[in-house]
Amino acid sequence: FTLDFAVIGWFRQAPGKEREGVSCINSSGRSTRY
């Protein structure tokens, strides 16, 4: 599959903690959030 058209994010989960959103990047790559 191609990732070209999908928004992609990163999460992390430390032991004993809830999942935390780390980053997001839109499909073009020109917009990011942290």
All heavy atoms as atom14 arrays in JSON, in Angstrom:
{
  "sequence": "FTLDFAVIGWFRQAPGKEREGVSCINSSGRSTRY",
  "atom14_mask": [
    [1, 1, 1, 1, 1, 1, 1, 1, 1, 1, 1, 0, 0, 0],
    [1, 1, 1, 1, 1, 1, 1, 0, 0, 0, 0, 0, 0, 0],
    [1, 1, 1, 1, 1, 1, 1, 1, 0, 0, 0, 0, 0, 0],
    [1, 1, 1, 1, 1, 1, 1, 1, 0, 0, 0, 0, 0, 0],
    [1, 1, 1, 1, 1, 1, 1, 1, 1, 1, 1, 0, 0, 0],
    [1, 1, 1, 1, 1, 0, 0, 0, 0, 0, 0, 0, 0, 0],
    [1, 1, 1, 1, 1, 1, 1, 0, 0, 0, 0, 0, 0, 0],
    [1, 1, 1, 1, 1, 1, 1, 1, 0, 0, 0, 0, 0, 0],
    [1, 1, 1, 1, 0, 0, 0, 0, 0, 0, 0, 0, 0, 0],
    [1, 1, 1, 1, 1, 1, 1, 1, 1, 1, 1, 1, 1, 1],
    [1, 1, 1, 1, 1, 1, 1, 1, 1, 1, 1, 0, 0, 0],
    [1, 1, 1, 1, 1, 1, 1, 1, 1, 1, 1, 0, 0, 0],
    [1, 1, 1, 1, 1, 1, 1, 1, 1, 0, 0, 0, 0, 0],
    [1, 1, 1, 1, 1, 0, 0, 0, 0, 0, 0, 0, 0, 0],
    [1, 1, 1, 1, 1, 1, 1, 0, 0, 0, 0, 0, 0, 0],
    [1, 1, 1, 1, 0, 0, 0, 0, 0, 0, 0, 0, 0, 0],
    [1, 1, 1, 1, 1, 1, 1, 1, 1, 0, 0, 0, 0, 0],
    [1, 1, 1, 1, 1, 1, 1, 1, 1, 0, 0, 0, 0, 0],
    [1, 1, 1, 1, 1, 1, 1, 1, 1, 1, 1, 0, 0, 0],
    [1, 1, 1, 1, 1, 1, 1, 1, 1, 0, 0, 0, 0, 0],
    [1, 1, 1, 1, 0, 0, 0, 0, 0, 0, 0, 0, 0, 0],
    [1, 1, 1, 1, 1, 1, 1, 0, 0, 0, 0, 0, 0, 0],
    [1, 1, 1, 1, 1, 1, 0, 0, 0, 0, 0, 0, 0, 0],
    [1, 1, 1, 1, 1, 1, 0, 0, 0, 0, 0, 0, 0, 0],
    [1, 1, 1, 1, 1, 1, 1, 1, 0, 0, 0, 0, 0, 0],
    [1, 1, 1, 1, 1, 1, 1, 1, 0, 0, 0, 0, 0, 0],
    [1, 1, 1, 1, 1, 1, 0, 0, 0, 0, 0, 0, 0, 0],
    [1, 1, 1, 1, 1, 1, 0, 0, 0, 0, 0, 0, 0, 0],
    [1, 1, 1, 1, 0, 0, 0, 0, 0, 0, 0, 0, 0, 0],
    [1, 1, 1, 1, 1, 1, 1, 1, 1, 1, 1, 0, 0, 0],
    [1, 1, 1, 1, 1, 1, 0, 0, 0, 0, 0, 0, 0, 0],
    [1, 1, 1, 1, 1, 1, 1, 0, 0, 0, 0, 0, 0, 0],
    [1, 1, 1, 1, 1, 1, 1, 1, 1, 1, 1, 0, 0, 0],
    [1, 1, 1, 1, 1, 1, 1, 1, 1, 1, 1, 1, 0, 0]
  ],
  "atom14_positions": [
    [[0.84, -1.18, 0.0], [0.0, 0.0, 0.0], [0.88, 1.24, 0.0], [2.01, 1.21, 0.47], [-0.89, 0.05, 1.24], [-1.97, -1.0, 1.27], [-1.7, -2.26, 1.82], [-3.22, -0.75, 0.77], [-2.68, -3.23, 1.84], [-4.21, -1.71, 0.8], [-3.93, -2.96, 1.34], [0.0, 0.0, 0.0], [0.0, 0.0, 0.0], [0.0, 0.0, 0.0]],
    [[0.36, 2.3, -0.52], [1.09, 3.55, -0.46], [0.61, 4.38, 0.73], [-0.58, 4.4, 1.05], [0.91, 4.37, -1.76], [1.61, 5.61, -1.61], [-0.56, 4.65, -2.04], [0.0, 0.0, 0.0], [0.0, 0.0, 0.0], [0.0, 0.0, 0.0], [0.0, 0.0, 0.0], [0.0, 0.0, 0.0], [0.0, 0.0, 0.0], [0.0, 0.0, 0.0]],
    [[1.57, 5.03, 1.36], [1.23, 5.92, 2.47], [1.0, 7.34, 2.0], [0.73, 8.23, 2.8], [2.35, 5.91, 3.52], [2.62, 4.58, 4.23], [3.81, 4.73, 5.17], [1.4, 4.12, 5.0], [0.0, 0.0, 0.0], [0.0, 0.0, 0.0], [0.0, 0.0, 0.0], [0.0, 0.0, 0.0], [0.0, 0.0, 0.0], [0.0, 0.0, 0.0]],
    [[1.11, 7.56, 0.68], [1.12, 8.92, 0.13], [-0.09, 9.75, 0.54], [0.02, 10.96, 0.69], [1.18, 8.88, -1.4], [2.55, 8.52, -1.91], [3.44, 8.28, -1.08], [2.73, 8.48, -3.14], [0.0, 0.0, 0.0], [0.0, 0.0, 0.0], [0.0, 0.0, 0.0], [0.0, 0.0, 0.0], [0.0, 0.0, 0.0], [0.0, 0.0, 0.0]],
    [[-1.26, 9.12, 0.65], [-2.49, 9.89, 0.84], [-3.0, 9.85, 2.28], [-4.07, 10.38, 2.57], [-3.56, 9.38, -0.11], [-3.09, 9.34, -1.54], [-2.87, 8.13, -2.17], [-2.83, 10.51, -2.23], [-2.42, 8.08, -3.47], [-2.38, 10.48, -3.53], [-2.17, 9.26, -4.16], [0.0, 0.0, 0.0], [0.0, 0.0, 0.0], [0.0, 0.0, 0.0]],
    [[-2.23, 9.24, 3.16], [-2.7, 9.05, 4.53], [-2.0, 9.99, 5.5], [-0.81, 10.27, 5.37], [-2.44, 7.61, 4.96], [0.0, 0.0, 0.0], [0.0, 0.0, 0.0], [0.0, 0.0, 0.0], [0.0, 0.0, 0.0], [0.0, 0.0, 0.0], [0.0, 0.0, 0.0], [0.0, 0.0, 0.0], [0.0, 0.0, 0.0], [0.0, 0.0, 0.0]],
    [[-2.76, 10.45, 6.47], [-2.15, 11.16, 7.58], [-1.5, 10.12, 8.49], [-2.07, 9.05, 8.73], [-3.21, 12.01, 8.33], [-4.33, 11.15, 8.88], [-2.56, 12.82, 9.43], [0.0, 0.0, 0.0], [0.0, 0.0, 0.0], [0.0, 0.0, 0.0], [0.0, 0.0, 0.0], [0.0, 0.0, 0.0], [0.0, 0.0, 0.0], [0.0, 0.0, 0.0]],
    [[-0.31, 10.41, 8.98], [0.46, 9.47, 9.77], [0.84, 10.1, 11.11], [1.24, 11.27, 11.16], [1.76, 9.04, 9.05], [1.45, 8.45, 7.67], [2.54, 8.05, 9.91], [0.7, 7.14, 7.69], [0.0, 0.0, 0.0], [0.0, 0.0, 0.0], [0.0, 0.0, 0.0], [0.0, 0.0, 0.0], [0.0, 0.0, 0.0], [0.0, 0.0, 0.0]],
    [[0.73, 9.33, 12.15], [1.11, 9.82, 13.47], [2.05, 8.87, 14.17], [2.28, 7.74, 13.72], [0.0, 0.0, 0.0], [0.0, 0.0, 0.0], [0.0, 0.0, 0.0], [0.0, 0.0, 0.0], [0.0, 0.0, 0.0], [0.0, 0.0, 0.0], [0.0, 0.0, 0.0], [0.0, 0.0, 0.0], [0.0, 0.0, 0.0], [0.0, 0.0, 0.0]],
    [[2.6, 9.35, 15.26], [3.41, 8.53, 16.16], [2.86, 8.68, 17.57], [2.57, 9.8, 18.02], [4.87, 8.95, 16.14], [5.61, 8.58, 14.9], [5.77, 9.33, 13.77], [6.31, 7.35, 14.66], [6.51, 8.66, 12.84], [6.87, 7.43, 13.36], [6.54, 6.19, 15.4], [7.62, 6.41, 12.79], [7.29, 5.17, 14.84], [7.82, 5.29, 13.55]],
    [[2.72, 7.55, 18.24], [2.35, 7.52, 19.64], [3.43, 6.78, 20.4], [4.26, 6.07, 19.82], [1.01, 6.79, 19.82], [-0.2, 7.66, 19.59], [-0.49, 8.14, 18.33], [-1.03, 8.01, 20.64], [-1.6, 8.94, 18.11], [-2.15, 8.81, 20.44], [-2.42, 9.28, 19.17], [0.0, 0.0, 0.0], [0.0, 0.0, 0.0], [0.0, 0.0, 0.0]],
    [[3.4, 6.92, 21.7], [4.3, 6.13, 22.54], [3.58, 5.73, 23.81], [2.64, 6.4, 24.24], [5.57, 6.9, 22.86], [5.38, 8.11, 23.75], [6.72, 8.83, 23.94], [6.59, 10.0, 24.82], [7.6, 10.82, 25.11], [8.8, 10.61, 24.58], [7.4, 11.85, 25.91], [0.0, 0.0, 0.0], [0.0, 0.0, 0.0], [0.0, 0.0, 0.0]],
    [[4.04, 4.63, 24.38], [3.47, 4.16, 25.64], [4.58, 3.67, 26.54], [5.28, 2.7, 26.21], [2.44, 3.06, 25.42], [1.7, 2.68, 26.69], [0.47, 1.83, 26.41], [0.36, 1.17, 25.38], [-0.48, 1.85, 27.34], [0.0, 0.0, 0.0], [0.0, 0.0, 0.0], [0.0, 0.0, 0.0], [0.0, 0.0, 0.0], [0.0, 0.0, 0.0]],
    [[4.74, 4.35, 27.64], [5.73, 3.95, 28.64], [5.09, 2.96, 29.61], [3.86, 2.93, 29.75], [6.23, 5.18, 29.39], [0.0, 0.0, 0.0], [0.0, 0.0, 0.0], [0.0, 0.0, 0.0], [0.0, 0.0, 0.0], [0.0, 0.0, 0.0], [0.0, 0.0, 0.0], [0.0, 0.0, 0.0], [0.0, 0.0, 0.0], [0.0, 0.0, 0.0]],
    [[5.89, 2.15, 30.27], [5.34, 1.18, 31.22], [4.47, 1.84, 32.27], [4.87, 2.83, 32.89], [6.59, 0.56, 31.85], [7.65, 0.73, 30.82], [7.34, 2.04, 30.14], [0.0, 0.0, 0.0], [0.0, 0.0, 0.0], [0.0, 0.0, 0.0], [0.0, 0.0, 0.0], [0.0, 0.0, 0.0], [0.0, 0.0, 0.0], [0.0, 0.0, 0.0]],
    [[3.26, 1.32, 32.43], [2.36, 1.83, 33.44], [1.69, 3.14, 33.1], [0.99, 3.71, 33.94], [0.0, 0.0, 0.0], [0.0, 0.0, 0.0], [0.0, 0.0, 0.0], [0.0, 0.0, 0.0], [0.0, 0.0, 0.0], [0.0, 0.0, 0.0], [0.0, 0.0, 0.0], [0.0, 0.0, 0.0], [0.0, 0.0, 0.0], [0.0, 0.0, 0.0]],
    [[1.89, 3.62, 31.87], [1.3, 4.9, 31.48], [0.4, 4.73, 30.27], [0.48, 3.74, 29.55], [2.4, 5.92, 31.18], [3.24, 6.29, 32.39], [4.18, 7.43, 32.07], [4.96, 7.85, 33.32], [5.86, 9.0, 33.02], [0.0, 0.0, 0.0], [0.0, 0.0, 0.0], [0.0, 0.0, 0.0], [0.0, 0.0, 0.0], [0.0, 0.0, 0.0]],
    [[-0.45, 5.71, 30.04], [-1.33, 5.68, 28.88], [-0.56, 6.06, 27.62], [0.49, 6.68, 27.67], [-2.5, 6.65, 29.09], [-3.43, 6.25, 30.22], [-4.65, 7.14, 30.29], [-4.71, 8.12, 29.53], [-5.52, 6.85, 31.11], [0.0, 0.0, 0.0], [0.0, 0.0, 0.0], [0.0, 0.0, 0.0], [0.0, 0.0, 0.0], [0.0, 0.0, 0.0]],
    [[-1.12, 5.68, 26.5], [-0.52, 6.05, 25.23], [-0.57, 7.56, 25.05], [-1.56, 8.21, 25.38], [-1.25, 5.36, 24.07], [-0.92, 3.89, 23.98], [-1.6, 3.23, 22.81], [-1.23, 1.81, 22.72], [-1.68, 0.96, 21.83], [-2.54, 1.38, 20.92], [-1.29, -0.29, 21.83], [0.0, 0.0, 0.0], [0.0, 0.0, 0.0], [0.0, 0.0, 0.0]],
    [[0.51, 8.09, 24.51], [0.66, 9.53, 24.35], [0.93, 9.85, 22.88], [1.82, 9.27, 22.27], [1.83, 10.03, 25.21], [2.17, 11.48, 25.03], [3.47, 11.87, 25.72], [4.28, 10.97, 26.03], [3.67, 13.07, 25.94], [0.0, 0.0, 0.0], [0.0, 0.0, 0.0], [0.0, 0.0, 0.0], [0.0, 0.0, 0.0], [0.0, 0.0, 0.0]],
    [[0.17, 10.78, 22.34], [0.43, 11.22, 20.98], [1.71, 12.03, 20.93], [1.9, 12.94, 21.74], [0.0, 0.0, 0.0], [0.0, 0.0, 0.0], [0.0, 0.0, 0.0], [0.0, 0.0, 0.0], [0.0, 0.0, 0.0], [0.0, 0.0, 0.0], [0.0, 0.0, 0.0], [0.0, 0.0, 0.0], [0.0, 0.0, 0.0], [0.0, 0.0, 0.0]],
    [[2.59, 11.7, 19.99], [3.89, 12.37, 19.87], [3.9, 13.34, 18.7], [4.33, 14.49, 18.83], [5.02, 11.34, 19.71], [6.35, 12.04, 19.5], [5.07, 10.41, 20.91], [0.0, 0.0, 0.0], [0.0, 0.0, 0.0], [0.0, 0.0, 0.0], [0.0, 0.0, 0.0], [0.0, 0.0, 0.0], [0.0, 0.0, 0.0], [0.0, 0.0, 0.0]],
    [[3.42, 12.89, 17.53], [3.49, 13.74, 16.35], [2.44, 13.32, 15.34], [1.88, 12.22, 15.4], [4.87, 13.66, 15.71], [5.08, 12.38, 15.14], [0.0, 0.0, 0.0], [0.0, 0.0, 0.0], [0.0, 0.0, 0.0], [0.0, 0.0, 0.0], [0.0, 0.0, 0.0], [0.0, 0.0, 0.0], [0.0, 0.0, 0.0], [0.0, 0.0, 0.0]],
    [[2.23, 14.23, 14.39], [1.32, 13.97, 13.28], [1.87, 14.68, 12.05], [2.4, 15.8, 12.16], [-0.08, 14.48, 13.61], [-1.3, 14.23, 12.32], [0.0, 0.0, 0.0], [0.0, 0.0, 0.0], [0.0, 0.0, 0.0], [0.0, 0.0, 0.0], [0.0, 0.0, 0.0], [0.0, 0.0, 0.0], [0.0, 0.0, 0.0], [0.0, 0.0, 0.0]],
    [[1.75, 14.04, 10.89], [2.17, 14.67, 9.65], [1.09, 14.43, 8.6], [0.57, 13.31, 8.46], [3.54, 14.13, 9.18], [4.04, 14.91, 7.94], [3.51, 12.64, 8.92], [5.51, 14.65, 7.62], [0.0, 0.0, 0.0], [0.0, 0.0, 0.0], [0.0, 0.0, 0.0], [0.0, 0.0, 0.0], [0.0, 0.0, 0.0], [0.0, 0.0, 0.0]],
    [[0.74, 15.48, 7.86], [-0.33, 15.31, 6.88], [0.19, 14.61, 5.63], [1.38, 14.3, 5.51], [-0.98, 16.66, 6.56], [-0.11, 17.56, 5.7], [1.09, 17.34, 5.55], [-0.71, 18.58, 5.13], [0.0, 0.0, 0.0], [0.0, 0.0, 0.0], [0.0, 0.0, 0.0], [0.0, 0.0, 0.0], [0.0, 0.0, 0.0], [0.0, 0.0, 0.0]],
    [[-0.68, 14.35, 4.69], [-0.31, 13.52, 3.55], [0.75, 14.18, 2.67], [1.59, 13.49, 2.09], [-1.55, 13.18, 2.71], [-2.16, 14.36, 2.23], [0.0, 0.0, 0.0], [0.0, 0.0, 0.0], [0.0, 0.0, 0.0], [0.0, 0.0, 0.0], [0.0, 0.0, 0.0], [0.0, 0.0, 0.0], [0.0, 0.0, 0.0], [0.0, 0.0, 0.0]],
    [[0.73, 15.49, 2.58], [1.73, 16.17, 1.74], [3.08, 16.29, 2.42], [4.1, 16.52, 1.78], [1.22, 17.56, 1.36], [1.26, 18.43, 2.48], [0.0, 0.0, 0.0], [0.0, 0.0, 0.0], [0.0, 0.0, 0.0], [0.0, 0.0, 0.0], [0.0, 0.0, 0.0], [0.0, 0.0, 0.0], [0.0, 0.0, 0.0], [0.0, 0.0, 0.0]],
    [[3.08, 16.18, 3.74], [4.31, 16.36, 4.51], [4.59, 17.8, 4.87], [5.59, 18.09, 5.53], [0.0, 0.0, 0.0], [0.0, 0.0, 0.0], [0.0, 0.0, 0.0], [0.0, 0.0, 0.0], [0.0, 0.0, 0.0], [0.0, 0.0, 0.0], [0.0, 0.0, 0.0], [0.0, 0.0, 0.0], [0.0, 0.0, 0.0], [0.0, 0.0, 0.0]],
    [[3.71, 18.7, 4.46], [3.97, 20.12, 4.69], [3.38, 20.63, 5.99], [3.62, 21.79, 6.37], [3.43, 20.93, 3.51], [4.23, 20.73, 2.23], [3.86, 21.78, 1.19], [2.52, 21.57, 0.66], [2.28, 20.87, -0.45], [3.28, 20.31, -1.12], [1.05, 20.73, -0.91], [0.0, 0.0, 0.0], [0.0, 0.0, 0.0], [0.0, 0.0, 0.0]],
    [[2.62, 19.83, 6.66], [2.03, 20.24, 7.93], [2.29, 19.19, 8.99], [2.02, 18.0, 8.77], [0.52, 20.46, 7.77], [-0.07, 20.81, 9.0], [0.0, 0.0, 0.0], [0.0, 0.0, 0.0], [0.0, 0.0, 0.0], [0.0, 0.0, 0.0], [0.0, 0.0, 0.0], [0.0, 0.0, 0.0], [0.0, 0.0, 0.0], [0.0, 0.0, 0.0]],
    [[2.82, 19.63, 10.11], [3.13, 18.71, 11.21], [2.62, 19.28, 12.52], [2.44, 20.49, 12.67], [4.65, 18.47, 11.33], [5.3, 19.73, 11.5], [5.2, 17.77, 10.11], [0.0, 0.0, 0.0], [0.0, 0.0, 0.0], [0.0, 0.0, 0.0], [0.0, 0.0, 0.0], [0.0, 0.0, 0.0], [0.0, 0.0, 0.0], [0.0, 0.0, 0.0]],
    [[2.4, 18.38, 13.47], [2.02, 18.76, 14.81], [2.79, 17.91, 15.8], [3.09, 16.75, 15.52], [0.51, 18.6, 15.02], [-0.31, 19.47, 14.1], [-1.72, 19.6, 14.58], [-2.52, 20.43, 13.67], [-3.77, 20.76, 13.89], [-4.39, 20.34, 14.98], [-4.43, 21.51, 13.03], [0.0, 0.0, 0.0], [0.0, 0.0, 0.0], [0.0, 0.0, 0.0]],
    [[3.07, 18.5, 16.96], [3.85, 17.8, 17.96], [3.26, 18.01, 19.35], [2.66, 19.05, 19.63], [5.3, 18.3, 17.97], [6.02, 18.12, 16.67], [6.19, 19.18, 15.79], [6.52, 16.87, 16.3], [6.83, 19.01, 14.58], [7.16, 16.69, 15.1], [7.32, 17.77, 14.24], [7.97, 17.59, 13.05], [0.0, 0.0, 0.0], [0.0, 0.0, 0.0]]
  ]
}
